[in-house]
């Protein structure tokens, strides 16, 4: 999961939605029912 669609490990794509299996921690992000949710205030541009 993840590597086949060019995303980092633990992530997959469901159309335009990035899904997470929860196996990898990404700072500033969390799983919202499997959807990878990002806090825009925790991500630097």
PDB file of N, CA and C in Angstrom:
ATOM      1  N   UNK A   1       0.850  -1.173   0.000  1.00  0.00           N
ATOM      2  CA  UNK A   1       0.000   0.000   0.000  1.00  0.00           C
ATOM      3  C   UNK A   1       0.894   1.233   0.000  1.00  0.00           C
ATOM      4  N   UNK A   2       0.555   2.245  -0.756  1.00  0.00           N
ATOM      5  CA  UNK A   2       1.339   3.467  -0.773  1.00  0.00           C
ATOM      6  C   UNK A   2       2.344   3.506  -1.902  1.00  0.00           C
ATOM      7  N   UNK A   3       3.322   2.609  -1.874  1.00  0.00           N
ATOM      8  CA  UNK A   3       4.395   2.653  -2.864  1.00  0.00           C
ATOM      9  C   UNK A   3       3.883   2.459  -4.290  1.00  0.00           C
ATOM     10  N   UNK A   4       2.889   1.641  -4.489  1.00  0.00           N
ATOM     11  CA  UNK A   4       2.373   1.364  -5.827  1.00  0.00           C
ATOM     12  C   UNK A   4       1.776   2.612  -6.474  1.00  0.00           C
ATOM     13  N   UNK A   5       1.190   3.513  -5.693  1.00  0.00           N
ATOM     14  CA  UNK A   5       0.586   4.712  -6.271  1.00  0.00           C
ATOM     15  C   UNK A   5       1.451   5.952  -6.070  1.00  0.00           C
ATOM     16  N   UNK A   6       2.723   5.759  -5.707  1.00  0.00           N
ATOM     17  CA  UNK A   6       3.662   6.862  -5.589  1.00  0.00           C
ATOM     18  C   UNK A   6       3.582   7.629  -4.281  1.00  0.00           C
ATOM     19  N   UNK A   7       2.780   7.184  -3.336  1.00  0.00           N
ATOM     20  CA  UNK A   7       2.657   7.854  -2.044  1.00  0.00           C
ATOM     21  C   UNK A   7       3.591   7.203  -1.029  1.00  0.00           C
ATOM     22  N   UNK A   8       3.956   7.936   0.022  1.00  0.00           N
ATOM     23  CA  UNK A   8       4.788   7.340   1.074  1.00  0.00           C
ATOM     24  C   UNK A   8       4.084   6.139   1.719  1.00  0.00           C
ATOM     25  N   UNK A   9       4.859   5.299   2.385  1.00  0.00           N
ATOM     26  CA  UNK A   9       4.318   4.122   3.060  1.00  0.00           C
ATOM     27  C   UNK A   9       3.177   4.460   4.001  1.00  0.00           C
ATOM     28  N   UNK A  10       2.176   3.620   4.043  1.00  0.00           N
ATOM     29  CA  UNK A  10       1.028   3.804   4.925  1.00  0.00           C
ATOM     30  C   UNK A  10      -0.068   4.648   4.327  1.00  0.00           C
ATOM     31  N   UNK A  11       0.181   5.254   3.137  1.00  0.00           N
ATOM     32  CA  UNK A  11      -0.818   6.101   2.497  1.00  0.00           C
ATOM     33  C   UNK A  11      -1.278   5.476   1.193  1.00  0.00           C
ATOM     34  N   UNK A  12      -2.521   5.734   0.840  1.00  0.00           N
ATOM     35  CA  UNK A  12      -3.059   5.299  -0.446  1.00  0.00           C
ATOM     36  C   UNK A  12      -4.022   6.364  -0.941  1.00  0.00           C
ATOM     37  N   UNK A  13      -4.380   6.271  -2.206  1.00  0.00           N
ATOM     38  CA  UNK A  13      -5.271   7.254  -2.805  1.00  0.00           C
ATOM     39  C   UNK A  13      -6.618   6.611  -3.113  1.00  0.00           C
ATOM     40  N   UNK A  14      -7.680   7.306  -2.748  1.00  0.00           N
ATOM     41  CA  UNK A  14      -9.038   6.874  -3.055  1.00  0.00           C
ATOM     42  C   UNK A  14      -9.639   7.998  -3.892  1.00  0.00           C
ATOM     43  N   UNK A  15      -9.300   8.027  -5.171  1.00  0.00           N
ATOM     44  CA  UNK A  15      -9.688   9.163  -6.014  1.00  0.00           C
ATOM     45  C   UNK A  15      -8.830  10.353  -5.640  1.00  0.00           C
ATOM     46  N   UNK A  16      -9.446  11.429  -5.180  1.00  0.00           N
ATOM     47  CA  UNK A  16      -8.701  12.630  -4.793  1.00  0.00           C
ATOM     48  C   UNK A  16      -8.489  12.706  -3.286  1.00  0.00           C
ATOM     49  N   UNK A  17      -8.842  11.634  -2.565  1.00  0.00           N
ATOM     50  CA  UNK A  17      -8.716  11.616  -1.104  1.00  0.00           C
ATOM     51  C   UNK A  17      -7.529  10.737  -0.724  1.00  0.00           C
ATOM     52  N   UNK A  18      -6.649  11.256   0.129  1.00  0.00           N
ATOM     53  CA  UNK A  18      -5.510  10.486   0.613  1.00  0.00           C
ATOM     54  C   UNK A  18      -5.947   9.730   1.869  1.00  0.00           C
ATOM     55  N   UNK A  19      -5.765   8.418   1.836  1.00  0.00           N
ATOM     56  CA  UNK A  19      -6.165   7.554   2.949  1.00  0.00           C
ATOM     57  C   UNK A  19      -4.909   7.093   3.685  1.00  0.00           C
ATOM     58  N   UNK A  20      -5.048   6.852   5.008  1.00  0.00           N
ATOM     59  CA  UNK A  20      -3.948   6.344   5.803  1.00  0.00           C
ATOM     60  C   UNK A  20      -4.366   5.068   6.505  1.00  0.00           C
ATOM     61  N   UNK A  21      -3.431   4.122   6.632  1.00  0.00           N
ATOM     62  CA  UNK A  21      -3.732   2.910   7.380  1.00  0.00           C
ATOM     63  C   UNK A  21      -3.291   3.041   8.836  1.00  0.00           C
ATOM     64  N   UNK A  22      -2.739   4.202   9.202  1.00  0.00           N
ATOM     65  CA  UNK A  22      -2.347   4.459  10.582  1.00  0.00           C
ATOM     66  C   UNK A  22      -1.019   3.846  10.981  1.00  0.00           C
ATOM     67  N   UNK A  23      -0.306   3.222  10.045  1.00  0.00           N
ATOM     68  CA  UNK A  23       0.943   2.546  10.390  1.00  0.00           C
ATOM     69  C   UNK A  23       2.136   3.500  10.476  1.00  0.00           C
ATOM     70  N   UNK A  24       2.010   4.697   9.887  1.00  0.00           N
ATOM     71  CA  UNK A  24       3.102   5.666   9.893  1.00  0.00           C
ATOM     72  C   UNK A  24       2.595   6.977  10.468  1.00  0.00           C
ATOM     73  N   UNK A  25       3.381   7.585  11.372  1.00  0.00           N
ATOM     74  CA  UNK A  25       3.008   8.866  11.960  1.00  0.00           C
ATOM     75  C   UNK A  25       3.554   9.992  11.101  1.00  0.00           C
ATOM     76  N   UNK A  26       2.684  10.904  10.700  1.00  0.00           N
ATOM     77  CA  UNK A  26       3.094  12.092   9.961  1.00  0.00           C
ATOM     78  C   UNK A  26       2.813  13.312  10.835  1.00  0.00           C
ATOM     79  N   UNK A  27       3.863  14.077  11.226  1.00  0.00           N
ATOM     80  CA  UNK A  27       3.670  15.233  12.100  1.00  0.00           C
ATOM     81  C   UNK A  27       2.634  16.207  11.525  1.00  0.00           C
ATOM     82  N   UNK A  28       1.732  16.668  12.381  1.00  0.00           N
ATOM     83  CA  UNK A  28       0.714  17.624  11.963  1.00  0.00           C
ATOM     84  C   UNK A  28      -0.457  16.976  11.252  1.00  0.00           C
ATOM     85  N   UNK A  29      -0.509  15.646  11.215  1.00  0.00           N
ATOM     86  CA  UNK A  29      -1.599  14.952  10.528  1.00  0.00           C
ATOM     87  C   UNK A  29      -2.146  13.835  11.413  1.00  0.00           C
ATOM     88  N   UNK A  30      -3.379  13.454  11.158  1.00  0.00           N
ATOM     89  CA  UNK A  30      -4.005  12.356  11.898  1.00  0.00           C
ATOM     90  C   UNK A  30      -5.022  11.671  11.010  1.00  0.00           C
ATOM     91  N   UNK A  31      -5.460  10.512  11.454  1.00  0.00           N
ATOM     92  CA  UNK A  31      -6.456   9.748  10.705  1.00  0.00           C
ATOM     93  C   UNK A  31      -7.843  10.164  11.162  1.00  0.00           C
ATOM     94  N   UNK A  32      -8.690  10.521  10.235  1.00  0.00           N
ATOM     95  CA  UNK A  32     -10.072  10.887  10.519  1.00  0.00           C
ATOM     96  C   UNK A  32     -10.940   9.853   9.811  1.00  0.00           C
ATOM     97  N   UNK A  33     -11.131   8.714  10.457  1.00  0.00           N
ATOM     98  CA  UNK A  33     -11.882   7.627   9.840  1.00  0.00           C
ATOM     99  C   UNK A  33     -11.156   7.045   8.635  1.00  0.00           C
ATOM    100  N   UNK A  34      -9.823   7.060   8.667  1.00  0.00           N
ATOM    101  CA  UNK A  34      -9.034   6.542   7.561  1.00  0.00           C
ATOM    102  C   UNK A  34      -8.578   7.609   6.581  1.00  0.00           C
ATOM    103  N   UNK A  35      -9.189   8.796   6.646  1.00  0.00           N
ATOM    104  CA  UNK A  35      -8.789   9.899   5.766  1.00  0.00           C
ATOM    105  C   UNK A  35      -7.659  10.656   6.448  1.00  0.00           C
ATOM    106  N   UNK A  36      -6.557  10.883   5.717  1.00  0.00           N
ATOM    107  CA  UNK A  36      -5.447  11.640   6.273  1.00  0.00           C
ATOM    108  C   UNK A  36      -5.857  13.106   6.378  1.00  0.00           C
ATOM    109  N   UNK A  37      -5.879  13.621   7.602  1.00  0.00           N
ATOM    110  CA  UNK A  37      -6.295  14.993   7.861  1.00  0.00           C
ATOM    111  C   UNK A  37      -5.082  15.778   8.350  1.00  0.00           C
ATOM    112  N   UNK A  38      -4.884  16.967   7.787  1.00  0.00           N
ATOM    113  CA  UNK A  38      -3.712  17.779   8.110  1.00  0.00           C
ATOM    114  C   UNK A  38      -4.147  19.067   8.771  1.00  0.00           C
ATOM    115  N   UNK A  39      -3.435  19.439   9.836  1.00  0.00           N
ATOM    116  CA  UNK A  39      -3.647  20.726  10.495  1.00  0.00           C
ATOM    117  C   UNK A  39      -2.873  21.763   9.685  1.00  0.00           C
ATOM    118  N   UNK A  40      -3.553  22.674   8.991  1.00  0.00           N
ATOM    119  CA  UNK A  40      -2.846  23.641   8.139  1.00  0.00           C
ATOM    120  C   UNK A  40      -1.915  24.556   8.921  1.00  0.00           C
ATOM    121  N   UNK A  41      -2.127  24.695  10.223  1.00  0.00           N
ATOM    122  CA  UNK A  41      -1.275  25.551  11.031  1.00  0.00           C
ATOM    123  C   UNK A  41       0.012  24.845  11.445  1.00  0.00           C
ATOM    124  N   UNK A  42       0.086  23.521  11.266  1.00  0.00           N
ATOM    125  CA  UNK A  42       1.258  22.760  11.667  1.00  0.00           C
ATOM    126  C   UNK A  42       2.165  22.459  10.481  1.00  0.00           C
ATOM    127  N   UNK A  43       1.779  22.855   9.291  1.00  0.00           N
ATOM    128  CA  UNK A  43       2.550  22.566   8.083  1.00  0.00           C
ATOM    129  C   UNK A  43       3.193  23.850   7.589  1.00  0.00           C
ATOM    130  N   UNK A  44       4.507  23.821   7.391  1.00  0.00           N
ATOM    131  CA  UNK A  44       5.159  25.010   6.844  1.00  0.00           C
ATOM    132  C   UNK A  44       5.164  24.977   5.331  1.00  0.00           C
ATOM    133  N   UNK A  45       5.052  26.127   4.746  1.00  0.00           N
ATOM    134  CA  UNK A  45       4.982  26.238   3.277  1.00  0.00           C
ATOM    135  C   UNK A  45       6.339  26.095   2.654  1.00  0.00           C
TER     136      UNK A  45
END
